[in-house]
Amino acid sequence: MSKNKLMIKLKEIPEEGRNWHFEPSERPNLDDYLLPEVSAKDYNVDVFVRPIGNIFEVSVSYKVSYELLCSKCAFEFQLPIERTQKELLMVTPGGQQRIEKAKHTSKDWSDDLFCTELESYNFHLGHFLREVILSEVPNRALGFGEECEKEACSPFTQAKNEGRFVSSNMKGWPEKEKYQPFSALKDFVKAKSKRKLQ
């Protein structure tokens, strides 16, 4: 699929607005923009864009499943999420001051309303949707919520019992640190650094 298929000419959008719908089985889809962070089998995105003077209102509704790793035990899991949000697009060729922008619409938009500024009327919907959707990915993903915080979830307990967090070079490490996720990786990096110095 050519990525240019998702390049929209805002000036060609009719006054009543225009809709787009994306899902994996349809073409064009968003695979090139959402994978691998979002499940290829499970996303549904609707977009509506309408002009308001020289400003464009964008409404995005999406239902996706993020492909994540638990920050505690590296357990792979899917996190389904459903959101609706609105944003404004403003074309400001050469840059404009806020007082100049206000002349382009009769709407009294709040200063707190997020507005994306564009240098031209060519708007890449794929890049925009990637930024909107992936901004909801949690910084510290936990596969089982509070159970993960208490290190009581089943994947963590199983991994700990199987010694997945421990390597043979961890003798003398404090017990609490020894059984933290990724400790074995940390130890591997330390051992590799020592070999380089020898």
C-alpha atoms as a PDB file:
ATOM      1  CA  MET A   1       0.000   0.000   0.000  1.00  0.00           C
ATOM      2  CA  SER A   2       1.285   3.416  -0.901  1.00  0.00           C
ATOM      3  CA  LYS A   3       1.522   5.617   2.154  1.00  0.00           C
ATOM      4  CA  ASN A   4       0.464   8.563  -0.018  1.00  0.00           C
ATOM      5  CA  LYS A   5      -3.078   7.153  -0.040  1.00  0.00           C
ATOM      6  CA  LEU A   6      -3.505   8.621   3.427  1.00  0.00           C
ATOM      7  CA  MET A   7      -2.388  12.102   2.374  1.00  0.00           C
ATOM      8  CA  ILE A   8      -5.506  14.295   2.565  1.00  0.00           C
ATOM      9  CA  LYS A   9      -6.015  17.597   0.781  1.00  0.00           C
ATOM     10  CA  LEU A  10      -7.909  19.583   3.375  1.00  0.00           C
ATOM     11  CA  LYS A  11      -9.162  22.132   0.841  1.00  0.00           C
ATOM     12  CA  GLU A  12     -11.080  19.347  -0.925  1.00  0.00           C
ATOM     13  CA  ILE A  13     -13.125  18.414   2.158  1.00  0.00           C
ATOM     14  CA  PRO A  14     -16.751  19.563   1.691  1.00  0.00           C
ATOM     15  CA  GLU A  15     -18.436  21.918   4.140  1.00  0.00           C
ATOM     16  CA  GLU A  16     -20.453  19.067   5.654  1.00  0.00           C
ATOM     17  CA  GLY A  17     -17.226  17.171   6.415  1.00  0.00           C
ATOM     18  CA  ARG A  18     -15.894  13.754   5.435  1.00  0.00           C
ATOM     19  CA  ASN A  19     -15.600  10.371   7.171  1.00  0.00           C
ATOM     20  CA  TRP A  20     -12.871   7.712   7.074  1.00  0.00           C
ATOM     21  CA  HIS A  21     -13.015   4.219   8.536  1.00  0.00           C
ATOM     22  CA  PHE A  22     -10.029   1.902   9.080  1.00  0.00           C
ATOM     23  CA  GLU A  23      -9.791  -1.737  10.092  1.00  0.00           C
ATOM     24  CA  PRO A  24      -7.295  -4.519   9.240  1.00  0.00           C
ATOM     25  CA  SER A  25      -9.455  -6.220   6.610  1.00  0.00           C
ATOM     26  CA  GLU A  26     -10.033  -3.064   4.557  1.00  0.00           C
ATOM     27  CA  ARG A  27      -7.766  -1.112   2.205  1.00  0.00           C
ATOM     28  CA  PRO A  28      -6.218   1.278   2.817  1.00  0.00           C
ATOM     29  CA  ASN A  29      -5.628   0.283   6.430  1.00  0.00           C
ATOM     30  CA  LEU A  30      -3.313   1.532   9.189  1.00  0.00           C
ATOM     31  CA  ASP A  31      -0.956  -1.462   9.453  1.00  0.00           C
ATOM     32  CA  ASP A  32       2.069   0.574   8.334  1.00  0.00           C
ATOM     33  CA  TYR A  33       1.437   3.145  11.069  1.00  0.00           C
ATOM     34  CA  LEU A  34       0.233   1.163  14.084  1.00  0.00           C
ATOM     35  CA  LEU A  35       2.223  -2.095  13.972  1.00  0.00           C
ATOM     36  CA  PRO A  36       3.860  -3.612  15.960  1.00  0.00           C
ATOM     37  CA  GLU A  37       2.599  -1.564  18.932  1.00  0.00           C
ATOM     38  CA  VAL A  38      -1.042  -2.321  18.102  1.00  0.00           C
ATOM     39  CA  SER A  39      -2.453  -5.777  17.343  1.00  0.00           C
ATOM     40  CA  ALA A  40      -2.776  -6.291  13.590  1.00  0.00           C
ATOM     41  CA  LYS A  41      -5.986  -8.285  14.106  1.00  0.00           C
ATOM     42  CA  ASP A  42      -7.817  -5.917  16.349  1.00  0.00           C
ATOM     43  CA  TYR A  43      -8.250  -2.225  15.605  1.00  0.00           C
ATOM     44  CA  ASN A  44     -11.164  -0.102  14.500  1.00  0.00           C
ATOM     45  CA  VAL A  45     -10.691   3.608  13.790  1.00  0.00           C
ATOM     46  CA  ASP A  46     -13.197   6.237  12.649  1.00  0.00           C
ATOM     47  CA  VAL A  47     -12.223   9.777  11.665  1.00  0.00           C
ATOM     48  CA  PHE A  48     -14.384  12.767  10.805  1.00  0.00           C
ATOM     49  CA  VAL A  49     -12.922  16.038   9.502  1.00  0.00           C
ATOM     50  CA  ARG A  50     -14.902  19.213   8.829  1.00  0.00           C
ATOM     51  CA  PRO A  51     -13.805  22.759   7.976  1.00  0.00           C
ATOM     52  CA  ILE A  52     -14.666  25.709  10.213  1.00  0.00           C
ATOM     53  CA  GLY A  53     -13.326  28.725   8.353  1.00  0.00           C
ATOM     54  CA  ASN A  54      -9.615  28.050   7.901  1.00  0.00           C
ATOM     55  CA  ILE A  55      -9.598  25.720  10.887  1.00  0.00           C
ATOM     56  CA  PHE A  56     -10.452  22.029  10.634  1.00  0.00           C
ATOM     57  CA  GLU A  57     -12.051  20.037  13.413  1.00  0.00           C
ATOM     58  CA  VAL A  58     -10.914  16.415  13.627  1.00  0.00           C
ATOM     59  CA  SER A  59     -12.902  13.822  15.599  1.00  0.00           C
ATOM     60  CA  VAL A  60     -11.230  10.456  16.173  1.00  0.00           C
ATOM     61  CA  SER A  61     -12.883   7.377  17.703  1.00  0.00           C
ATOM     62  CA  TYR A  62     -10.809   4.244  18.027  1.00  0.00           C
ATOM     63  CA  LYS A  63     -10.863   0.818  19.573  1.00  0.00           C
ATOM     64  CA  VAL A  64      -7.499  -0.945  19.593  1.00  0.00           C
ATOM     65  CA  SER A  65      -5.483  -3.538  21.517  1.00  0.00           C
ATOM     66  CA  TYR A  66      -1.920  -2.594  22.393  1.00  0.00           C
ATOM     67  CA  GLU A  67       0.760  -5.296  22.262  1.00  0.00           C
ATOM     68  CA  LEU A  68       2.688  -4.754  25.501  1.00  0.00           C
ATOM     69  CA  LEU A  69       5.263  -6.259  27.852  1.00  0.00           C
ATOM     70  CA  CYS A  70       4.618  -6.131  31.581  1.00  0.00           C
ATOM     71  CA  SER A  71       7.191  -3.850  33.203  1.00  0.00           C
ATOM     72  CA  LYS A  72       7.465  -6.275  36.133  1.00  0.00           C
ATOM     73  CA  CYS A  73       7.973  -9.670  34.506  1.00  0.00           C
ATOM     74  CA  ALA A  74       8.143  -9.040  30.737  1.00  0.00           C
ATOM     75  CA  PHE A  75       4.929 -11.047  30.298  1.00  0.00           C
ATOM     76  CA  GLU A  76       3.390 -10.351  26.883  1.00  0.00           C
ATOM     77  CA  PHE A  77      -0.211  -9.184  27.019  1.00  0.00           C
ATOM     78  CA  GLN A  78      -2.791  -7.183  25.100  1.00  0.00           C
ATOM     79  CA  LEU A  79      -4.360  -4.045  26.544  1.00  0.00           C
ATOM     80  CA  PRO A  80      -7.677  -3.141  24.872  1.00  0.00           C
ATOM     81  CA  ILE A  81      -8.582   0.532  24.890  1.00  0.00           C
ATOM     82  CA  GLU A  82     -11.400   2.638  23.474  1.00  0.00           C
ATOM     83  CA  ARG A  83     -11.189   6.418  23.130  1.00  0.00           C
ATOM     84  CA  THR A  84     -12.845   9.393  21.453  1.00  0.00           C
ATOM     85  CA  GLN A  85     -11.126  12.732  21.122  1.00  0.00           C
ATOM     86  CA  LYS A  86     -11.248  15.961  19.163  1.00  0.00           C
ATOM     87  CA  GLU A  87      -8.496  18.156  17.880  1.00  0.00           C
ATOM     88  CA  LEU A  88      -8.091  21.222  15.700  1.00  0.00           C
ATOM     89  CA  LEU A  89      -5.914  21.647  12.629  1.00  0.00           C
ATOM     90  CA  MET A  90      -4.806  25.117  11.612  1.00  0.00           C
ATOM     91  CA  VAL A  91      -2.923  25.906   8.423  1.00  0.00           C
ATOM     92  CA  THR A  92      -0.363  28.632   9.156  1.00  0.00           C
ATOM     93  CA  PRO A  93       1.970  29.042   6.168  1.00  0.00           C
ATOM     94  CA  GLY A  94       5.012  31.023   7.260  1.00  0.00           C
ATOM     95  CA  GLY A  95       3.822  31.128  10.858  1.00  0.00           C
ATOM     96  CA  GLN A  96       1.307  33.457  12.489  1.00  0.00           C
ATOM     97  CA  GLN A  97       0.762  35.106  15.846  1.00  0.00           C
ATOM     98  CA  ARG A  98      -2.189  34.023  18.021  1.00  0.00           C
ATOM     99  CA  ILE A  99      -4.060  37.297  17.379  1.00  0.00           C
ATOM    100  CA  GLU A 100      -3.781  36.676  13.613  1.00  0.00           C
ATOM    101  CA  LYS A 101      -5.044  33.110  13.989  1.00  0.00           C
ATOM    102  CA  ALA A 102      -8.160  34.326  15.785  1.00  0.00           C
ATOM    103  CA  LYS A 103      -9.267  36.139  12.602  1.00  0.00           C
ATOM    104  CA  HIS A 104      -9.636  32.857  10.714  1.00  0.00           C
ATOM    105  CA  THR A 105     -12.677  31.578  12.589  1.00  0.00           C
ATOM    106  CA  SER A 106     -15.772  32.968  14.285  1.00  0.00           C
ATOM    107  CA  LYS A 107     -15.436  30.274  16.988  1.00  0.00           C
ATOM    108  CA  ASP A 108     -14.127  31.406  20.366  1.00  0.00           C
ATOM    109  CA  TRP A 109     -11.765  28.478  20.958  1.00  0.00           C
ATOM    110  CA  SER A 110     -10.234  28.106  24.403  1.00  0.00           C
ATOM    111  CA  ASP A 111      -6.490  28.722  24.693  1.00  0.00           C
ATOM    112  CA  ASP A 112      -6.271  25.298  26.334  1.00  0.00           C
ATOM    113  CA  LEU A 113      -7.721  23.420  23.350  1.00  0.00           C
ATOM    114  CA  PHE A 114      -4.947  21.537  21.574  1.00  0.00           C
ATOM    115  CA  CYS A 115      -4.322  22.707  18.031  1.00  0.00           C
ATOM    116  CA  THR A 116      -1.975  21.136  15.490  1.00  0.00           C
ATOM    117  CA  GLU A 117      -0.433  23.665  13.117  1.00  0.00           C
ATOM    118  CA  LEU A 118       0.228  22.698   9.496  1.00  0.00           C
ATOM    119  CA  GLU A 119       2.366  24.494   6.940  1.00  0.00           C
ATOM    120  CA  SER A 120       0.119  23.474   4.045  1.00  0.00           C
ATOM    121  CA  TYR A 121      -3.310  22.005   3.328  1.00  0.00           C
ATOM    122  CA  ASN A 122      -1.768  18.574   2.766  1.00  0.00           C
ATOM    123  CA  PHE A 123      -2.514  16.519   5.889  1.00  0.00           C
ATOM    124  CA  HIS A 124      -1.084  13.030   6.418  1.00  0.00           C
ATOM    125  CA  LEU A 125      -3.817  11.144   8.231  1.00  0.00           C
ATOM    126  CA  GLY A 126      -1.668   8.039   8.854  1.00  0.00           C
ATOM    127  CA  HIS A 127       1.038   9.913  10.752  1.00  0.00           C
ATOM    128  CA  PHE A 128      -1.550  11.897  12.697  1.00  0.00           C
ATOM    129  CA  LEU A 129      -3.471   8.784  13.798  1.00  0.00           C
ATOM    130  CA  ARG A 130      -0.272   7.020  14.862  1.00  0.00           C
ATOM    131  CA  GLU A 131       0.601   9.936  17.142  1.00  0.00           C
ATOM    132  CA  VAL A 132      -2.927  10.157  18.577  1.00  0.00           C
ATOM    133  CA  ILE A 133      -3.365   6.432  19.223  1.00  0.00           C
ATOM    134  CA  LEU A 134       0.118   5.579  20.489  1.00  0.00           C
ATOM    135  CA  SER A 135       0.093   8.525  22.885  1.00  0.00           C
ATOM    136  CA  GLU A 136      -2.236   6.417  25.045  1.00  0.00           C
ATOM    137  CA  VAL A 137       0.286   3.586  25.493  1.00  0.00           C
ATOM    138  CA  PRO A 138       1.109   3.441  29.231  1.00  0.00           C
ATOM    139  CA  ASN A 139       4.709   4.254  30.184  1.00  0.00           C
ATOM    140  CA  ARG A 140       4.741   1.502  32.794  1.00  0.00           C
ATOM    141  CA  ALA A 141       2.542  -1.321  31.583  1.00  0.00           C
ATOM    142  CA  LEU A 142       1.311  -3.859  34.150  1.00  0.00           C
ATOM    143  CA  GLY A 143      -0.315  -7.006  32.832  1.00  0.00           C
ATOM    144  CA  PHE A 144      -2.305  -7.761  36.012  1.00  0.00           C
ATOM    145  CA  GLY A 145      -2.610  -4.312  37.605  1.00  0.00           C
ATOM    146  CA  GLU A 146      -2.358  -4.316  41.416  1.00  0.00           C
ATOM    147  CA  GLU A 147      -1.222  -7.943  41.468  1.00  0.00           C
ATOM    148  CA  CYS A 148       1.833  -6.892  39.468  1.00  0.00           C
ATOM    149  CA  GLU A 149       2.605  -4.077  41.912  1.00  0.00           C
ATOM    150  CA  LYS A 150       2.614  -6.623  44.748  1.00  0.00           C
ATOM    151  CA  GLU A 151       4.649  -9.084  42.621  1.00  0.00           C
ATOM    152  CA  ALA A 152       1.830 -11.560  43.140  1.00  0.00           C
ATOM    153  CA  CYS A 153       0.657 -12.121  39.563  1.00  0.00           C
ATOM    154  CA  SER A 154       0.896 -15.651  38.174  1.00  0.00           C
ATOM    155  CA  PRO A 155       3.444 -14.909  35.389  1.00  0.00           C
ATOM    156  CA  PHE A 156       5.812 -13.197  37.847  1.00  0.00           C
ATOM    157  CA  THR A 157       5.501 -15.992  40.409  1.00  0.00           C
ATOM    158  CA  GLN A 158       6.096 -18.651  37.751  1.00  0.00           C
ATOM    159  CA  ALA A 159       9.094 -16.839  36.287  1.00  0.00           C
ATOM    160  CA  LYS A 160      10.605 -16.346  39.741  1.00  0.00           C
ATOM    161  CA  ASN A 161      10.110 -20.000  40.685  1.00  0.00           C
ATOM    162  CA  GLU A 162      11.738 -21.106  37.441  1.00  0.00           C
ATOM    163  CA  GLY A 163      14.745 -18.843  38.130  1.00  0.00           C
ATOM    164  CA  ARG A 164      14.320 -16.790  34.984  1.00  0.00           C
ATOM    165  CA  PHE A 165      15.478 -13.608  36.728  1.00  0.00           C
ATOM    166  CA  VAL A 166      18.667 -15.161  38.092  1.00  0.00           C
ATOM    167  CA  SER A 167      21.995 -16.009  36.452  1.00  0.00           C
ATOM    168  CA  SER A 168      25.014 -17.862  37.811  1.00  0.00           C
ATOM    169  CA  ASN A 169      26.912 -14.584  38.265  1.00  0.00           C
ATOM    170  CA  MET A 170      24.521 -13.206  40.895  1.00  0.00           C
ATOM    171  CA  LYS A 171      26.127 -14.756  43.973  1.00  0.00           C
ATOM    172  CA  GLY A 172      26.216 -12.257  46.805  1.00  0.00           C
ATOM    173  CA  TRP A 173      23.441 -10.070  45.353  1.00  0.00           C
ATOM    174  CA  PRO A 174      20.731  -8.943  47.820  1.00  0.00           C
ATOM    175  CA  GLU A 175      17.721 -11.258  47.556  1.00  0.00           C
ATOM    176  CA  LYS A 176      15.339  -8.426  46.702  1.00  0.00           C
ATOM    177  CA  GLU A 177      17.490  -7.211  43.814  1.00  0.00           C
ATOM    178  CA  LYS A 178      18.300 -10.716  42.657  1.00  0.00           C
ATOM    179  CA  TYR A 179      14.693 -11.519  41.893  1.00  0.00           C
ATOM    180  CA  GLN A 180      13.747  -8.299  40.153  1.00  0.00           C
ATOM    181  CA  PRO A 181      12.679  -8.634  36.500  1.00  0.00           C
ATOM    182  CA  PHE A 182      15.479  -8.000  34.019  1.00  0.00           C
ATOM    183  CA  SER A 183      18.134  -8.562  36.712  1.00  0.00           C
ATOM    184  CA  ALA A 184      19.542 -11.414  34.674  1.00  0.00           C
ATOM    185  CA  LEU A 185      19.801  -9.089  31.674  1.00  0.00           C
ATOM    186  CA  LYS A 186      21.465  -6.441  33.833  1.00  0.00           C
ATOM    187  CA  ASP A 187      23.943  -9.061  35.047  1.00  0.00           C
ATOM    188  CA  PHE A 188      24.602 -10.198  31.486  1.00  0.00           C
ATOM    189  CA  VAL A 189      25.448  -6.619  30.442  1.00  0.00           C
ATOM    190  CA  LYS A 190      27.785  -6.210  33.445  1.00  0.00           C
ATOM    191  CA  ALA A 191      29.551  -9.485  32.641  1.00  0.00           C
ATOM    192  CA  LYS A 192      29.915  -8.489  28.992  1.00  0.00           C
ATOM    193  CA  SER A 193      31.435  -5.123  29.996  1.00  0.00           C
ATOM    194  CA  LYS A 194      33.976  -6.872  32.234  1.00  0.00           C
ATOM    195  CA  ARG A 195      35.046  -9.143  29.383  1.00  0.00           C
ATOM    196  CA  LYS A 196      35.704  -6.104  27.188  1.00  0.00           C
ATOM    197  CA  LEU A 197      37.947  -4.554  29.819  1.00  0.00           C
ATOM    198  CA  GLN A 198      40.051  -7.725  30.215  1.00  0.00           C
END
